[in-house]
Amino acid sequence: MRDAAELLTTEGLSLRPWRPDDAPAVRRAFAPAEMARQVGRPVTTTAEASEWIADREDERKAGSGYTWAVVRGGAALGSVAVTSVDHVHNTGWVSYWTTETARGTGVAAAGLRVLARWAFGGLGLHRLELGHRTNNPASCTVAVRAGFAVEGIERNKLRYGDVRYDVERHARLATDDVNFD
């Protein structure tokens, strides 16, 4: 298994593991209510952001997850990850987010394309999956632009507070044509 120190996109972005000095950027990224709701735990202080980063490093060391900061000019603009890595079935779960200022700029899709190629080559995975709420068309756009095909709807999959959401599932295989462009 190859764990690269840095991955590069054709759009001038780099992917690198999150570092302790990124804690202020993580704290700012999780400040909006939408992001705070999805992270599943508070990340409102620099100490909590540091814990989030340490947890990502623990996953990397265990071989169960690989979370990358998407960076341009030294500034972290977002995150892409493959987690729940299953080496028996060679699958992984993909997630992504961007800072408010980077939304709609192609950062997430560019990061996902590079992450997928690395996961297929470096980790030897065959299938990557992701899901997004059906009321989040921007996330769907990212998934499609990154070469993840729509597979179907999972009804009432997520619950935030008292509200349940349907999730659209996407996947990308190592054998998909998009990997050979």
N, C-alpha and C. Protein backbone atom coordinates (compact mmCIF):
# COMPACT_ATOMS: atom_id res chain seq x y z
N MET A 1 0.84 -1.17 0.00
CA MET A 1 0.00 0.00 0.00
C MET A 1 0.89 1.23 0.00
N ARG A 2 0.66 2.13 -0.91
CA ARG A 2 1.47 3.33 -1.04
C ARG A 2 0.71 4.53 -0.46
N ASP A 3 1.27 5.16 0.56
CA ASP A 3 0.67 6.35 1.15
C ASP A 3 1.52 7.54 0.75
N ALA A 4 1.11 8.23 -0.29
CA ALA A 4 1.87 9.36 -0.81
C ALA A 4 1.84 10.53 0.16
N ALA A 5 2.89 11.33 0.16
CA ALA A 5 2.95 12.52 1.00
C ALA A 5 2.15 13.66 0.39
N GLU A 6 2.05 13.68 -0.94
CA GLU A 6 1.34 14.76 -1.63
C GLU A 6 0.88 14.24 -2.98
N LEU A 7 -0.31 14.67 -3.39
CA LEU A 7 -0.87 14.35 -4.70
C LEU A 7 -1.17 15.67 -5.40
N LEU A 8 -1.00 15.71 -6.69
CA LEU A 8 -1.20 16.95 -7.45
C LEU A 8 -2.34 16.81 -8.43
N THR A 9 -3.11 17.89 -8.61
CA THR A 9 -4.18 17.92 -9.61
C THR A 9 -3.69 18.69 -10.82
N THR A 10 -4.39 18.53 -11.93
CA THR A 10 -4.05 19.30 -13.12
C THR A 10 -4.52 20.74 -13.00
N GLU A 11 -5.33 21.04 -11.98
CA GLU A 11 -5.84 22.40 -11.77
C GLU A 11 -4.96 23.24 -10.85
N GLY A 12 -3.77 22.75 -10.52
CA GLY A 12 -2.86 23.51 -9.67
C GLY A 12 -3.11 23.37 -8.18
N LEU A 13 -3.86 22.38 -7.80
CA LEU A 13 -4.12 22.09 -6.39
C LEU A 13 -3.23 20.95 -5.94
N SER A 14 -2.99 20.88 -4.64
CA SER A 14 -2.29 19.72 -4.11
C SER A 14 -3.13 19.12 -3.00
N LEU A 15 -2.99 17.82 -2.83
CA LEU A 15 -3.62 17.10 -1.73
C LEU A 15 -2.50 16.63 -0.82
N ARG A 16 -2.67 16.90 0.48
CA ARG A 16 -1.70 16.46 1.45
C ARG A 16 -2.44 16.09 2.72
N PRO A 17 -1.85 15.25 3.56
CA PRO A 17 -2.50 14.95 4.84
C PRO A 17 -2.69 16.23 5.66
N TRP A 18 -3.75 16.26 6.45
CA TRP A 18 -3.97 17.39 7.34
C TRP A 18 -2.84 17.44 8.36
N ARG A 19 -2.43 18.65 8.72
CA ARG A 19 -1.35 18.86 9.68
C ARG A 19 -1.87 19.61 10.89
N PRO A 20 -1.18 19.49 12.03
CA PRO A 20 -1.61 20.21 13.23
C PRO A 20 -1.78 21.72 13.02
N ASP A 21 -0.93 22.32 12.19
CA ASP A 21 -1.06 23.77 11.99
C ASP A 21 -2.25 24.15 11.12
N ASP A 22 -3.01 23.15 10.63
CA ASP A 22 -4.24 23.41 9.88
C ASP A 22 -5.45 23.57 10.79
N ALA A 23 -5.27 23.42 12.10
CA ALA A 23 -6.42 23.46 13.02
C ALA A 23 -7.28 24.72 12.87
N PRO A 24 -6.70 25.91 12.74
CA PRO A 24 -7.57 27.09 12.56
C PRO A 24 -8.42 27.01 11.29
N ALA A 25 -7.86 26.46 10.21
CA ALA A 25 -8.63 26.33 8.97
C ALA A 25 -9.77 25.32 9.14
N VAL A 26 -9.51 24.23 9.84
CA VAL A 26 -10.57 23.23 10.10
C VAL A 26 -11.67 23.86 10.95
N ARG A 27 -11.29 24.58 11.99
CA ARG A 27 -12.28 25.24 12.85
C ARG A 27 -13.16 26.19 12.03
N ARG A 28 -12.57 26.98 11.17
CA ARG A 28 -13.34 27.90 10.32
C ARG A 28 -14.25 27.14 9.36
N ALA A 29 -13.75 26.04 8.80
CA ALA A 29 -14.54 25.27 7.85
C ALA A 29 -15.79 24.69 8.49
N PHE A 30 -15.69 24.28 9.75
CA PHE A 30 -16.84 23.67 10.43
C PHE A 30 -17.72 24.68 11.15
N ALA A 31 -17.42 25.97 11.04
CA ALA A 31 -18.22 27.00 11.72
C ALA A 31 -19.65 27.12 11.18
N PRO A 32 -19.88 27.03 9.85
CA PRO A 32 -21.26 27.15 9.37
C PRO A 32 -22.14 26.01 9.92
N ALA A 33 -23.39 26.34 10.21
CA ALA A 33 -24.31 25.35 10.80
C ALA A 33 -24.42 24.08 9.96
N GLU A 34 -24.44 24.20 8.65
CA GLU A 34 -24.56 23.02 7.78
C GLU A 34 -23.38 22.08 7.96
N MET A 35 -22.18 22.63 8.05
CA MET A 35 -21.00 21.79 8.24
C MET A 35 -20.97 21.20 9.65
N ALA A 36 -21.30 22.01 10.64
CA ALA A 36 -21.30 21.53 12.03
C ALA A 36 -22.26 20.36 12.19
N ARG A 37 -23.39 20.43 11.53
CA ARG A 37 -24.41 19.37 11.61
C ARG A 37 -23.87 18.06 11.03
N GLN A 38 -23.09 18.14 9.99
CA GLN A 38 -22.64 16.94 9.31
C GLN A 38 -21.43 16.27 9.96
N VAL A 39 -20.62 17.02 10.69
CA VAL A 39 -19.41 16.44 11.27
C VAL A 39 -19.73 15.51 12.43
N GLY A 40 -20.90 15.69 13.06
CA GLY A 40 -21.33 14.75 14.10
C GLY A 40 -20.77 15.03 15.49
N ARG A 41 -19.94 16.06 15.60
CA ARG A 41 -19.41 16.45 16.92
C ARG A 41 -18.95 17.90 16.81
N PRO A 42 -18.86 18.58 17.94
CA PRO A 42 -18.46 19.98 17.87
C PRO A 42 -17.01 20.15 17.39
N VAL A 43 -16.83 21.09 16.51
CA VAL A 43 -15.49 21.52 16.09
C VAL A 43 -15.55 23.05 16.08
N THR A 44 -15.66 23.60 17.29
CA THR A 44 -15.83 25.04 17.43
C THR A 44 -14.60 25.73 18.01
N THR A 45 -13.66 24.94 18.50
CA THR A 45 -12.43 25.50 19.07
C THR A 45 -11.23 24.95 18.31
N THR A 46 -10.12 25.60 18.46
CA THR A 46 -8.89 25.10 17.83
C THR A 46 -8.52 23.74 18.42
N ALA A 47 -8.77 23.53 19.71
CA ALA A 47 -8.47 22.23 20.33
C ALA A 47 -9.33 21.13 19.72
N GLU A 48 -10.62 21.40 19.48
CA GLU A 48 -11.49 20.40 18.85
C GLU A 48 -11.06 20.14 17.41
N ALA A 49 -10.63 21.17 16.72
CA ALA A 49 -10.13 21.00 15.35
C ALA A 49 -8.85 20.16 15.36
N SER A 50 -8.01 20.37 16.36
CA SER A 50 -6.78 19.57 16.49
C SER A 50 -7.12 18.10 16.72
N GLU A 51 -8.15 17.84 17.52
CA GLU A 51 -8.60 16.46 17.74
C GLU A 51 -9.10 15.84 16.44
N TRP A 52 -9.85 16.62 15.65
CA TRP A 52 -10.35 16.13 14.37
C TRP A 52 -9.17 15.72 13.48
N ILE A 53 -8.14 16.55 13.44
CA ILE A 53 -6.96 16.26 12.63
C ILE A 53 -6.25 15.02 13.17
N ALA A 54 -6.11 14.91 14.48
CA ALA A 54 -5.46 13.74 15.09
C ALA A 54 -6.22 12.46 14.77
N ASP A 55 -7.54 12.53 14.77
CA ASP A 55 -8.35 11.36 14.41
C ASP A 55 -8.10 10.94 12.96
N ARG A 56 -7.93 11.89 12.08
CA ARG A 56 -7.64 11.57 10.66
C ARG A 56 -6.28 10.88 10.55
N GLU A 57 -5.31 11.34 11.33
CA GLU A 57 -3.98 10.71 11.33
C GLU A 57 -4.05 9.29 11.89
N ASP A 58 -4.86 9.08 12.93
CA ASP A 58 -5.04 7.73 13.49
C ASP A 58 -5.63 6.78 12.46
N GLU A 59 -6.63 7.26 11.68
CA GLU A 59 -7.21 6.43 10.61
C GLU A 59 -6.16 6.07 9.57
N ARG A 60 -5.33 7.04 9.22
CA ARG A 60 -4.28 6.82 8.22
C ARG A 60 -3.31 5.75 8.72
N LYS A 61 -2.88 5.87 9.98
CA LYS A 61 -1.95 4.89 10.55
C LYS A 61 -2.57 3.50 10.61
N ALA A 62 -3.87 3.42 10.87
CA ALA A 62 -4.57 2.13 10.95
C ALA A 62 -4.87 1.56 9.57
N GLY A 63 -4.73 2.37 8.52
CA GLY A 63 -5.05 1.91 7.17
C GLY A 63 -6.53 1.85 6.89
N SER A 64 -7.34 2.52 7.70
CA SER A 64 -8.79 2.47 7.52
C SER A 64 -9.35 3.72 6.86
N GLY A 65 -8.55 4.77 6.77
CA GLY A 65 -9.03 5.99 6.15
C GLY A 65 -7.90 6.93 5.80
N TYR A 66 -8.10 7.68 4.74
CA TYR A 66 -7.09 8.61 4.24
C TYR A 66 -7.79 9.92 3.88
N THR A 67 -7.55 10.93 4.70
CA THR A 67 -8.18 12.23 4.51
C THR A 67 -7.10 13.23 4.11
N TRP A 68 -7.39 13.96 3.05
CA TRP A 68 -6.42 14.88 2.47
C TRP A 68 -6.97 16.30 2.51
N ALA A 69 -6.13 17.25 2.86
CA ALA A 69 -6.44 18.67 2.69
C ALA A 69 -6.23 18.99 1.22
N VAL A 70 -7.16 19.73 0.63
CA VAL A 70 -7.01 20.21 -0.74
C VAL A 70 -6.49 21.64 -0.62
N VAL A 71 -5.30 21.88 -1.16
CA VAL A 71 -4.56 23.10 -0.88
C VAL A 71 -4.19 23.83 -2.17
N ARG A 72 -4.27 25.16 -2.10
CA ARG A 72 -3.73 26.00 -3.18
C ARG A 72 -2.97 27.15 -2.52
N GLY A 73 -1.72 27.32 -2.90
CA GLY A 73 -0.92 28.41 -2.36
C GLY A 73 -0.77 28.36 -0.85
N GLY A 74 -0.74 27.16 -0.30
CA GLY A 74 -0.58 27.00 1.15
C GLY A 74 -1.87 27.05 1.94
N ALA A 75 -2.98 27.45 1.32
CA ALA A 75 -4.25 27.57 2.03
C ALA A 75 -5.11 26.33 1.80
N ALA A 76 -5.62 25.74 2.88
CA ALA A 76 -6.52 24.59 2.79
C ALA A 76 -7.89 25.09 2.35
N LEU A 77 -8.36 24.59 1.20
CA LEU A 77 -9.64 25.00 0.64
C LEU A 77 -10.73 23.97 0.85
N GLY A 78 -10.34 22.77 1.25
CA GLY A 78 -11.33 21.71 1.44
C GLY A 78 -10.67 20.42 1.83
N SER A 79 -11.47 19.37 1.77
CA SER A 79 -11.01 18.05 2.18
C SER A 79 -11.64 16.99 1.30
N VAL A 80 -10.86 15.96 0.98
CA VAL A 80 -11.38 14.77 0.31
C VAL A 80 -10.86 13.57 1.08
N ALA A 81 -11.67 12.53 1.14
CA ALA A 81 -11.28 11.37 1.95
C ALA A 81 -11.83 10.09 1.37
N VAL A 82 -11.08 9.03 1.60
CA VAL A 82 -11.61 7.68 1.41
C VAL A 82 -11.45 7.00 2.76
N THR A 83 -12.59 6.60 3.34
CA THR A 83 -12.62 5.99 4.66
C THR A 83 -13.37 4.66 4.57
N SER A 84 -13.53 4.03 5.71
CA SER A 84 -14.17 2.71 5.74
C SER A 84 -13.53 1.80 4.71
N VAL A 85 -12.21 1.89 4.60
CA VAL A 85 -11.47 1.09 3.62
C VAL A 85 -11.58 -0.38 4.01
N ASP A 86 -12.06 -1.16 3.08
CA ASP A 86 -12.25 -2.60 3.28
C ASP A 86 -11.29 -3.32 2.33
N HIS A 87 -10.24 -3.90 2.89
CA HIS A 87 -9.22 -4.56 2.06
C HIS A 87 -9.63 -5.96 1.64
N VAL A 88 -10.70 -6.48 2.20
CA VAL A 88 -11.22 -7.79 1.76
C VAL A 88 -11.96 -7.61 0.44
N HIS A 89 -12.84 -6.61 0.39
CA HIS A 89 -13.64 -6.37 -0.81
C HIS A 89 -13.06 -5.26 -1.68
N ASN A 90 -11.98 -4.63 -1.21
CA ASN A 90 -11.32 -3.54 -1.94
C ASN A 90 -12.27 -2.39 -2.27
N THR A 91 -12.97 -1.92 -1.20
CA THR A 91 -13.91 -0.83 -1.34
C THR A 91 -13.57 0.28 -0.35
N GLY A 92 -14.12 1.45 -0.60
CA GLY A 92 -13.96 2.56 0.32
C GLY A 92 -15.10 3.55 0.16
N TRP A 93 -15.33 4.34 1.21
CA TRP A 93 -16.37 5.36 1.23
C TRP A 93 -15.71 6.72 1.05
N VAL A 94 -16.20 7.51 0.12
CA VAL A 94 -15.62 8.80 -0.22
C VAL A 94 -16.47 9.92 0.37
N SER A 95 -15.79 10.93 0.88
CA SER A 95 -16.47 12.14 1.33
C SER A 95 -15.65 13.35 0.93
N TYR A 96 -16.29 14.51 0.97
CA TYR A 96 -15.61 15.73 0.56
C TYR A 96 -16.35 16.93 1.12
N TRP A 97 -15.61 18.01 1.30
CA TRP A 97 -16.18 19.30 1.65
C TRP A 97 -15.21 20.39 1.24
N THR A 98 -15.74 21.59 1.10
CA THR A 98 -14.90 22.75 0.82
C THR A 98 -15.26 23.88 1.77
N THR A 99 -14.35 24.82 1.89
CA THR A 99 -14.64 26.02 2.66
C THR A 99 -15.69 26.83 1.90
N GLU A 100 -16.34 27.73 2.60
CA GLU A 100 -17.38 28.55 1.94
C GLU A 100 -16.82 29.31 0.75
N THR A 101 -15.62 29.83 0.86
CA THR A 101 -15.05 30.62 -0.23
C THR A 101 -14.66 29.77 -1.44
N ALA A 102 -14.46 28.47 -1.24
CA ALA A 102 -14.04 27.60 -2.35
C ALA A 102 -15.21 26.90 -3.03
N ARG A 103 -16.41 27.01 -2.48
CA ARG A 103 -17.56 26.32 -3.07
C ARG A 103 -17.84 26.83 -4.47
N GLY A 104 -18.13 25.89 -5.37
CA GLY A 104 -18.46 26.24 -6.74
C GLY A 104 -17.27 26.55 -7.62
N THR A 105 -16.06 26.31 -7.13
CA THR A 105 -14.86 26.63 -7.92
C THR A 105 -14.18 25.40 -8.52
N GLY A 106 -14.74 24.22 -8.31
CA GLY A 106 -14.15 23.01 -8.87
C GLY A 106 -13.13 22.33 -7.97
N VAL A 107 -12.90 22.87 -6.79
CA VAL A 107 -11.91 22.32 -5.86
C VAL A 107 -12.26 20.88 -5.47
N ALA A 108 -13.51 20.65 -5.08
CA ALA A 108 -13.90 19.30 -4.61
C ALA A 108 -13.80 18.27 -5.74
N ALA A 109 -14.31 18.60 -6.91
CA ALA A 109 -14.27 17.63 -8.03
C ALA A 109 -12.83 17.32 -8.43
N ALA A 110 -11.98 18.34 -8.50
CA ALA A 110 -10.57 18.11 -8.85
C ALA A 110 -9.90 17.23 -7.80
N GLY A 111 -10.15 17.52 -6.54
CA GLY A 111 -9.59 16.69 -5.48
C GLY A 111 -10.07 15.26 -5.53
N LEU A 112 -11.37 15.07 -5.80
CA LEU A 112 -11.93 13.71 -5.87
C LEU A 112 -11.35 12.91 -7.02
N ARG A 113 -11.15 13.55 -8.16
CA ARG A 113 -10.57 12.82 -9.30
C ARG A 113 -9.19 12.27 -8.95
N VAL A 114 -8.36 13.09 -8.32
CA VAL A 114 -7.02 12.65 -7.94
C VAL A 114 -7.09 11.60 -6.83
N LEU A 115 -7.97 11.82 -5.86
CA LEU A 115 -8.15 10.85 -4.77
C LEU A 115 -8.54 9.49 -5.32
N ALA A 116 -9.47 9.45 -6.27
CA ALA A 116 -9.93 8.18 -6.84
C ALA A 116 -8.79 7.45 -7.55
N ARG A 117 -8.04 8.17 -8.35
CA ARG A 117 -6.92 7.52 -9.05
C ARG A 117 -5.90 6.96 -8.05
N TRP A 118 -5.64 7.73 -6.98
CA TRP A 118 -4.72 7.25 -5.96
C TRP A 118 -5.28 6.02 -5.25
N ALA A 119 -6.56 6.05 -4.90
CA ALA A 119 -7.17 4.93 -4.17
C ALA A 119 -7.16 3.66 -5.02
N PHE A 120 -7.39 3.78 -6.31
CA PHE A 120 -7.35 2.61 -7.19
C PHE A 120 -5.92 2.11 -7.37
N GLY A 121 -4.97 3.02 -7.52
CA GLY A 121 -3.59 2.62 -7.73
C GLY A 121 -2.84 2.36 -6.44
N GLY A 122 -2.79 3.35 -5.57
CA GLY A 122 -2.01 3.26 -4.34
C GLY A 122 -2.56 2.30 -3.31
N LEU A 123 -3.89 2.27 -3.18
CA LEU A 123 -4.51 1.37 -2.20
C LEU A 123 -4.98 0.06 -2.81
N GLY A 124 -5.05 0.00 -4.13
CA GLY A 124 -5.52 -1.21 -4.78
C GLY A 124 -7.02 -1.44 -4.63
N LEU A 125 -7.79 -0.36 -4.39
CA LEU A 125 -9.23 -0.52 -4.26
C LEU A 125 -9.87 -0.71 -5.63
N HIS A 126 -11.05 -1.32 -5.63
CA HIS A 126 -11.78 -1.55 -6.87
C HIS A 126 -13.03 -0.67 -6.97
N ARG A 127 -13.67 -0.39 -5.82
CA ARG A 127 -14.93 0.36 -5.82
C ARG A 127 -14.89 1.46 -4.76
N LEU A 128 -15.28 2.65 -5.19
CA LEU A 128 -15.44 3.78 -4.28
C LEU A 128 -16.90 4.21 -4.32
N GLU A 129 -17.47 4.45 -3.14
CA GLU A 129 -18.86 4.85 -3.04
C GLU A 129 -18.97 6.19 -2.33
N LEU A 130 -20.03 6.92 -2.63
CA LEU A 130 -20.34 8.14 -1.89
C LEU A 130 -21.84 8.34 -1.93
N GLY A 131 -22.32 9.17 -1.04
CA GLY A 131 -23.74 9.51 -1.01
C GLY A 131 -23.92 10.96 -0.61
N HIS A 132 -24.99 11.57 -1.10
CA HIS A 132 -25.33 12.94 -0.73
C HIS A 132 -26.84 13.04 -0.58
N ARG A 133 -27.26 13.98 0.28
CA ARG A 133 -28.70 14.21 0.42
C ARG A 133 -29.25 14.62 -0.94
N THR A 134 -30.46 14.16 -1.24
CA THR A 134 -31.06 14.51 -2.53
C THR A 134 -31.39 15.99 -2.65
N ASN A 135 -31.43 16.70 -1.52
CA ASN A 135 -31.68 18.15 -1.58
C ASN A 135 -30.37 18.95 -1.63
N ASN A 136 -29.29 18.29 -2.04
CA ASN A 136 -27.99 18.94 -2.15
C ASN A 136 -27.47 18.78 -3.58
N PRO A 137 -28.02 19.54 -4.53
CA PRO A 137 -27.61 19.38 -5.93
C PRO A 137 -26.14 19.74 -6.17
N ALA A 138 -25.57 20.62 -5.37
CA ALA A 138 -24.16 20.98 -5.56
C ALA A 138 -23.27 19.77 -5.30
N SER A 139 -23.58 18.98 -4.29
CA SER A 139 -22.80 17.78 -4.00
C SER A 139 -22.95 16.76 -5.12
N CYS A 140 -24.14 16.67 -5.69
CA CYS A 140 -24.35 15.76 -6.82
C CYS A 140 -23.49 16.19 -8.01
N THR A 141 -23.43 17.48 -8.27
CA THR A 141 -22.62 18.00 -9.37
C THR A 141 -21.15 17.63 -9.17
N VAL A 142 -20.66 17.77 -7.95
CA VAL A 142 -19.27 17.40 -7.65
C VAL A 142 -19.05 15.92 -7.96
N ALA A 143 -19.94 15.07 -7.48
CA ALA A 143 -19.79 13.62 -7.68
C ALA A 143 -19.75 13.27 -9.17
N VAL A 144 -20.67 13.82 -9.93
CA VAL A 144 -20.74 13.51 -11.36
C VAL A 144 -19.50 14.04 -12.08
N ARG A 145 -19.07 15.26 -11.76
CA ARG A 145 -17.88 15.83 -12.40
C ARG A 145 -16.61 15.05 -12.06
N ALA A 146 -16.64 14.36 -10.92
CA ALA A 146 -15.49 13.55 -10.52
C ALA A 146 -15.57 12.12 -11.04
N GLY A 147 -16.58 11.83 -11.88
CA GLY A 147 -16.67 10.51 -12.52
C GLY A 147 -17.41 9.45 -11.73
N PHE A 148 -18.21 9.85 -10.74
CA PHE A 148 -18.97 8.90 -9.94
C PHE A 148 -20.38 8.76 -10.53
N ALA A 149 -20.73 7.54 -10.96
CA ALA A 149 -22.02 7.28 -11.58
C ALA A 149 -23.11 7.15 -10.53
N VAL A 150 -24.30 7.65 -10.86
CA VAL A 150 -25.46 7.51 -9.99
C VAL A 150 -25.91 6.06 -9.97
N GLU A 151 -26.18 5.55 -8.77
CA GLU A 151 -26.64 4.16 -8.64
C GLU A 151 -28.04 4.04 -8.09
N GLY A 152 -28.52 5.02 -7.36
CA GLY A 152 -29.88 4.93 -6.85
C GLY A 152 -30.09 5.75 -5.59
N ILE A 153 -31.32 5.66 -5.08
CA ILE A 153 -31.73 6.43 -3.90
C ILE A 153 -31.88 5.49 -2.71
N GLU A 154 -31.32 5.94 -1.59
CA GLU A 154 -31.51 5.25 -0.31
C GLU A 154 -32.49 6.11 0.49
N ARG A 155 -33.69 5.58 0.69
CA ARG A 155 -34.74 6.36 1.33
C ARG A 155 -34.49 6.54 2.83
N ASN A 156 -34.68 7.77 3.30
CA ASN A 156 -34.59 8.10 4.72
C ASN A 156 -33.29 7.63 5.37
N LYS A 157 -32.21 7.68 4.65
CA LYS A 157 -30.92 7.16 5.13
C LYS A 157 -30.34 8.01 6.27
N LEU A 158 -30.39 9.33 6.14
CA LEU A 158 -29.76 10.21 7.13
C LEU A 158 -30.80 10.91 7.98
N ARG A 159 -30.42 11.18 9.23
CA ARG A 159 -31.29 11.94 10.13
C ARG A 159 -30.46 13.04 10.77
N TYR A 160 -30.90 14.27 10.59
CA TYR A 160 -30.31 15.43 11.26
C TYR A 160 -31.43 16.05 12.09
N GLY A 161 -31.28 15.97 13.40
CA GLY A 161 -32.35 16.42 14.28
C GLY A 161 -33.55 15.51 14.10
N ASP A 162 -34.70 16.10 13.83
CA ASP A 162 -35.92 15.32 13.65
C ASP A 162 -36.25 15.07 12.18
N VAL A 163 -35.38 15.48 11.28
CA VAL A 163 -35.67 15.37 9.85
C VAL A 163 -34.84 14.26 9.22
N ARG A 164 -35.49 13.43 8.42
CA ARG A 164 -34.82 12.35 7.70
C ARG A 164 -34.65 12.77 6.24
N TYR A 165 -33.55 12.33 5.63
CA TYR A 165 -33.23 12.70 4.26
C TYR A 165 -32.95 11.47 3.41
N ASP A 166 -33.44 11.51 2.18
CA ASP A 166 -33.06 10.50 1.20
C ASP A 166 -31.65 10.82 0.72
N VAL A 167 -30.92 9.78 0.34
CA VAL A 167 -29.54 9.92 -0.12
C VAL A 167 -29.41 9.28 -1.50
N GLU A 168 -28.76 10.00 -2.40
CA GLU A 168 -28.44 9.45 -3.71
C GLU A 168 -27.06 8.84 -3.64
N ARG A 169 -26.96 7.57 -4.01
CA ARG A 169 -25.69 6.83 -3.98
C ARG A 169 -25.02 6.94 -5.34
N HIS A 170 -23.70 7.15 -5.31
CA HIS A 170 -22.85 7.18 -6.51
C HIS A 170 -21.70 6.22 -6.27
N ALA A 171 -21.11 5.72 -7.35
CA ALA A 171 -19.93 4.87 -7.22
C ALA A 171 -19.03 5.06 -8.44
N ARG A 172 -17.77 4.74 -8.23
CA ARG A 172 -16.78 4.74 -9.31
C ARG A 172 -15.96 3.49 -9.14
N LEU A 173 -15.76 2.77 -10.25
CA LEU A 173 -14.99 1.53 -10.24
C LEU A 173 -13.63 1.75 -10.88
N ALA A 174 -12.67 0.94 -10.47
CA ALA A 174 -11.33 1.02 -11.06
C ALA A 174 -11.36 0.74 -12.55
N THR A 175 -12.37 0.02 -13.02
CA THR A 175 -12.48 -0.36 -14.42
C THR A 175 -13.30 0.64 -15.25
N ASP A 176 -13.84 1.68 -14.63
CA ASP A 176 -14.63 2.68 -15.37
C ASP A 176 -13.76 3.41 -16.38
N ASP A 177 -14.36 3.72 -17.53
CA ASP A 177 -13.64 4.42 -18.60
C ASP A 177 -13.02 5.73 -18.14
N VAL A 178 -13.65 6.43 -17.19
CA VAL A 178 -13.15 7.72 -16.72
C VAL A 178 -11.74 7.63 -16.18
N ASN A 179 -11.34 6.44 -15.73
CA ASN A 179 -10.00 6.25 -15.18
C ASN A 179 -8.91 6.17 -16.25
N PHE A 180 -9.32 6.09 -17.50
CA PHE A 180 -8.35 5.91 -18.57
C PHE A 180 -8.29 7.09 -19.51
N ASP A 181 -8.91 8.21 -19.11
CA ASP A 181 -8.91 9.44 -19.94
C ASP A 181 -7.56 10.12 -19.86
